[in-house]
Amino acid sequence: MSKAEKTKAFIIEKTAPIFNRKGYAGTSINDMTDATGLTKGSIYGNFSNKDEVALAAFDYNLLKVNKIFQDEMSQQNTAKGQLLVFVHVYMNFLSHPFPSGGCPILNTAVEADDTHPELRKKVVSGIVNWKNRIIAVIEKGIEQKEFPSSVDPEQIALTIIATIEGGVMITQATGKLNYLKLIMKSIEKLVNDLSNEN
C-alpha cells in the first residue's frame, strides 16, 4: 500500500464513525480535521470533495456490518441457523464491533433519500445485496428441505430487513434496548415457524 493509499484509508477510518453518527449534512470539514488531525488541504489532497469522503465512509461502515454477519453465518451449518444470526447479533449488538452510530443503511437512508443521489444509490445497493443474501439462505433451506417450497424467499427477506431496520429505528428513537430484543423475537418466531411448516 502506497503512502497516499494509507492516508486515504486513515481518513476513511477516522471519519466513517462521524458520518455514521452525524450524517452527511451534519459532518463538517472541522469534524473531519479534528478526527484525523490533518489539515483541510491534506484531506482534499486525497479526496476531491466531501462527497467522495462520505461515499467511502459509507462503504467502510457497511463493510464492517457485513463482516460481522458473514463471520457469524459462516459458523452455522443450517439455513435456519444462518437466518437466526440476524436475531442473535442484533439482540447482542453491544458485543459486536458495529460502527459507531449503528446501522449505516438506516442512518444514511433517512438523510440521503432526497438530498444526496449518490449516497442513496449506495443505500439501495446495500439493501438489495442484503435482501439477496437472505434469499440465497432461504433458497438453500428450501433445497435442503429445511423450509417448505411454498415460502416466498423475497417476501421473507424483505420482512426480516424491514423488521430489523424498524426495530433499530424505534430503539434509537426511544433509547430502549429491550424494544430491539422484543422485535428480534418476532423475527426468531418467523424463522422458527418457517422451519416448523416443513
Protein backbone atom coordinates (compact mmCIF):
# COMPACT_ATOMS: atom_id res chain seq x y z
CA MET A 1 0.00 0.00 0.00
CA SER A 2 1.43 3.38 -1.04
CA LYS A 3 1.69 6.35 1.31
CA ALA A 4 -1.24 8.03 -0.48
CA GLU A 5 -3.38 4.86 -0.14
CA LYS A 6 -2.51 4.62 3.55
CA THR A 7 -3.50 8.26 4.09
CA LYS A 8 -6.82 7.73 2.27
CA ALA A 9 -7.54 4.62 4.33
CA PHE A 10 -6.70 6.56 7.52
CA ILE A 11 -9.05 9.41 6.59
CA ILE A 12 -11.87 6.97 5.83
CA GLU A 13 -11.34 5.02 9.07
CA LYS A 14 -11.33 8.19 11.20
CA THR A 15 -14.24 9.98 9.51
CA ALA A 16 -16.54 6.94 8.98
CA PRO A 17 -17.87 6.98 12.58
CA ILE A 18 -18.62 10.72 12.33
CA PHE A 19 -20.54 10.41 9.06
CA ASN A 20 -22.46 7.48 10.54
CA ARG A 21 -23.38 9.39 13.72
CA LYS A 22 -23.89 12.92 12.36
CA GLY A 23 -24.86 12.23 8.76
CA TYR A 24 -23.61 13.86 5.59
CA ALA A 25 -25.09 17.31 6.23
CA GLY A 26 -24.10 17.28 9.91
CA THR A 27 -20.44 16.39 9.30
CA SER A 28 -18.29 19.47 8.79
CA ILE A 29 -14.75 19.85 7.50
CA ASN A 30 -13.81 20.78 11.09
CA ASP A 31 -15.17 17.41 12.26
CA MET A 32 -13.02 15.74 9.64
CA THR A 33 -9.85 17.66 10.51
CA ASP A 34 -10.42 17.10 14.25
CA ALA A 35 -10.90 13.35 13.74
CA THR A 36 -7.87 12.90 11.53
CA GLY A 37 -5.51 15.55 12.85
CA LEU A 38 -4.96 16.52 9.20
CA THR A 39 -5.48 19.87 7.52
CA LYS A 40 -8.34 20.59 5.13
CA GLY A 41 -5.77 20.72 2.33
CA SER A 42 -4.44 17.30 3.26
CA ILE A 43 -7.93 15.76 3.28
CA TYR A 44 -8.88 17.35 -0.03
CA GLY A 45 -5.49 16.44 -1.45
CA ASN A 46 -6.60 12.82 -1.11
CA PHE A 47 -10.31 13.22 -1.90
CA SER A 48 -11.78 15.60 -4.44
CA ASN A 49 -14.59 16.73 -2.11
CA LYS A 50 -16.70 15.90 0.94
CA ASP A 51 -19.00 13.70 -1.19
CA GLU A 52 -16.13 11.39 -2.05
CA VAL A 53 -15.19 11.04 1.64
CA ALA A 54 -18.83 10.40 2.60
CA LEU A 55 -19.27 7.69 -0.05
CA ALA A 56 -16.06 5.96 1.04
CA ALA A 57 -17.11 6.24 4.69
CA PHE A 58 -20.47 4.62 3.92
CA ASP A 59 -18.71 1.72 2.15
CA TYR A 60 -16.36 1.33 5.12
CA ASN A 61 -19.22 1.25 7.65
CA LEU A 62 -21.29 -1.17 5.56
CA LEU A 63 -18.31 -3.47 5.10
CA LYS A 64 -17.87 -3.54 8.87
CA VAL A 65 -21.51 -4.60 9.38
CA ASN A 66 -21.39 -7.16 6.57
CA LYS A 67 -18.25 -8.73 8.03
CA ILE A 68 -19.98 -9.27 11.38
CA PHE A 69 -22.78 -11.19 9.68
CA GLN A 70 -20.51 -13.11 7.30
CA ASP A 71 -18.30 -14.26 10.19
CA GLU A 72 -21.29 -15.37 12.27
CA MET A 73 -23.14 -17.01 9.37
CA SER A 74 -20.06 -18.98 8.32
CA GLN A 75 -20.22 -20.75 11.70
CA GLN A 76 -23.74 -22.07 11.03
CA ASN A 77 -24.44 -25.34 9.21
CA THR A 78 -28.14 -24.81 8.53
CA ALA A 79 -30.18 -22.19 6.71
CA LYS A 80 -32.27 -21.70 9.84
CA GLY A 81 -29.12 -21.12 11.89
CA GLN A 82 -27.90 -18.58 9.35
CA LEU A 83 -31.18 -16.64 9.43
CA LEU A 84 -31.17 -16.66 13.23
CA VAL A 85 -27.74 -15.00 13.15
CA PHE A 86 -29.56 -11.71 12.43
CA VAL A 87 -31.61 -12.18 15.60
CA HIS A 88 -28.66 -13.12 17.80
CA VAL A 89 -26.36 -10.36 16.51
CA TYR A 90 -28.96 -7.60 16.93
CA MET A 91 -30.04 -8.91 20.34
CA ASN A 92 -26.39 -8.77 21.44
CA PHE A 93 -25.15 -5.95 19.19
CA LEU A 94 -23.11 -4.36 22.01
CA SER A 95 -20.79 -7.38 21.94
CA HIS A 96 -20.11 -6.95 18.20
CA PRO A 97 -17.90 -4.32 16.53
CA PHE A 98 -20.76 -2.35 14.94
CA PRO A 99 -19.83 1.06 13.54
CA SER A 100 -20.29 3.92 15.96
CA GLY A 101 -23.79 5.29 15.45
CA GLY A 102 -25.37 1.97 14.48
CA CYS A 103 -26.72 0.78 11.15
CA PRO A 104 -25.27 2.77 8.23
CA ILE A 105 -28.12 1.74 5.92
CA LEU A 106 -30.79 3.16 8.24
CA ASN A 107 -28.78 6.26 9.13
CA THR A 108 -27.96 7.12 5.54
CA ALA A 109 -31.33 6.15 4.01
CA VAL A 110 -33.20 8.67 6.12
CA GLU A 111 -30.87 11.53 5.26
CA ALA A 112 -29.98 10.74 1.64
CA ASP A 113 -33.48 9.93 0.42
CA ASP A 114 -33.99 13.22 -1.45
CA THR A 115 -30.80 15.15 -0.80
CA HIS A 116 -27.90 13.01 -1.97
CA PRO A 117 -28.49 10.75 -5.01
CA GLU A 118 -25.06 9.06 -4.88
CA LEU A 119 -25.42 8.11 -1.22
CA ARG A 120 -28.98 6.96 -1.92
CA LYS A 121 -27.64 4.61 -4.64
CA LYS A 122 -25.20 3.14 -2.11
CA VAL A 123 -28.06 2.56 0.36
CA VAL A 124 -30.22 0.89 -2.30
CA SER A 125 -27.30 -1.33 -3.30
CA GLY A 126 -26.72 -2.24 0.38
CA ILE A 127 -30.39 -3.19 0.83
CA VAL A 128 -30.52 -5.21 -2.40
CA ASN A 129 -27.34 -7.10 -1.50
CA TRP A 130 -28.69 -7.81 1.99
CA LYS A 131 -32.01 -9.00 0.53
CA ASN A 132 -30.22 -11.23 -1.98
CA ARG A 133 -28.04 -12.74 0.74
CA ILE A 134 -31.12 -13.67 2.79
CA ILE A 135 -32.92 -15.00 -0.31
CA ALA A 136 -29.91 -17.24 -1.04
CA VAL A 137 -30.06 -18.64 2.51
CA ILE A 138 -33.81 -19.30 2.25
CA GLU A 139 -33.43 -20.94 -1.16
CA LYS A 140 -30.70 -23.16 0.27
CA GLY A 141 -33.08 -24.03 3.12
CA ILE A 142 -35.81 -24.98 0.63
CA GLU A 143 -33.35 -27.07 -1.37
CA GLN A 144 -32.20 -28.88 1.80
CA LYS A 145 -35.82 -29.40 2.90
CA GLU A 146 -35.43 -27.19 5.98
CA PHE A 147 -38.12 -24.83 4.69
CA PRO A 148 -41.24 -25.62 2.65
CA SER A 149 -41.14 -24.90 -1.08
CA SER A 150 -44.30 -22.80 -0.69
CA VAL A 151 -42.47 -19.91 1.02
CA ASP A 152 -41.68 -16.75 -0.92
CA PRO A 153 -37.96 -16.06 -0.26
CA GLU A 154 -38.17 -12.40 -1.31
CA GLN A 155 -41.16 -11.72 0.93
CA ILE A 156 -39.42 -13.32 3.93
CA ALA A 157 -36.16 -11.46 3.19
CA LEU A 158 -37.90 -8.07 2.93
CA THR A 159 -39.90 -8.77 6.10
CA ILE A 160 -36.72 -9.61 8.02
CA ILE A 161 -34.93 -6.47 6.77
CA ALA A 162 -37.90 -4.16 7.39
CA THR A 163 -38.41 -5.59 10.89
CA ILE A 164 -34.72 -5.19 11.78
CA GLU A 165 -34.48 -1.63 10.43
CA GLY A 166 -37.76 -0.66 12.09
CA GLY A 167 -36.56 -2.17 15.35
CA VAL A 168 -33.28 -0.29 15.19
CA MET A 169 -35.09 2.98 14.41
CA ILE A 170 -37.55 2.56 17.31
CA THR A 171 -34.73 1.64 19.68
CA GLN A 172 -32.61 4.62 18.61
CA ALA A 173 -35.56 7.00 18.96
CA THR A 174 -36.66 5.73 22.38
CA GLY A 175 -33.31 4.64 23.81
CA LYS A 176 -34.97 1.41 25.00
CA LEU A 177 -32.75 -1.58 24.18
CA ASN A 178 -35.40 -4.02 25.34
CA TYR A 179 -37.61 -2.89 22.42
CA LEU A 180 -34.99 -4.20 20.00
CA LYS A 181 -34.92 -7.53 21.83
CA LEU A 182 -38.71 -7.81 21.69
CA ILE A 183 -38.75 -7.02 17.97
CA MET A 184 -35.94 -9.52 17.28
CA LYS A 185 -38.08 -12.18 18.98
CA SER A 186 -40.65 -11.60 16.20
CA ILE A 187 -38.02 -12.49 13.61
CA GLU A 188 -36.99 -15.50 15.67
CA LYS A 189 -40.64 -16.66 15.68
CA LEU A 190 -40.91 -16.08 11.92
CA VAL A 191 -37.81 -18.23 11.26
CA ASN A 192 -38.90 -20.95 13.69
CA ASP A 193 -42.39 -21.04 12.16
CA LEU A 194 -40.82 -21.29 8.72
CA SER A 195 -38.86 -24.41 9.65
CA ASN A 196 -41.80 -25.89 11.58
CA GLU A 197 -44.01 -25.70 8.48
CA ASN A 198 -41.88 -28.34 6.84
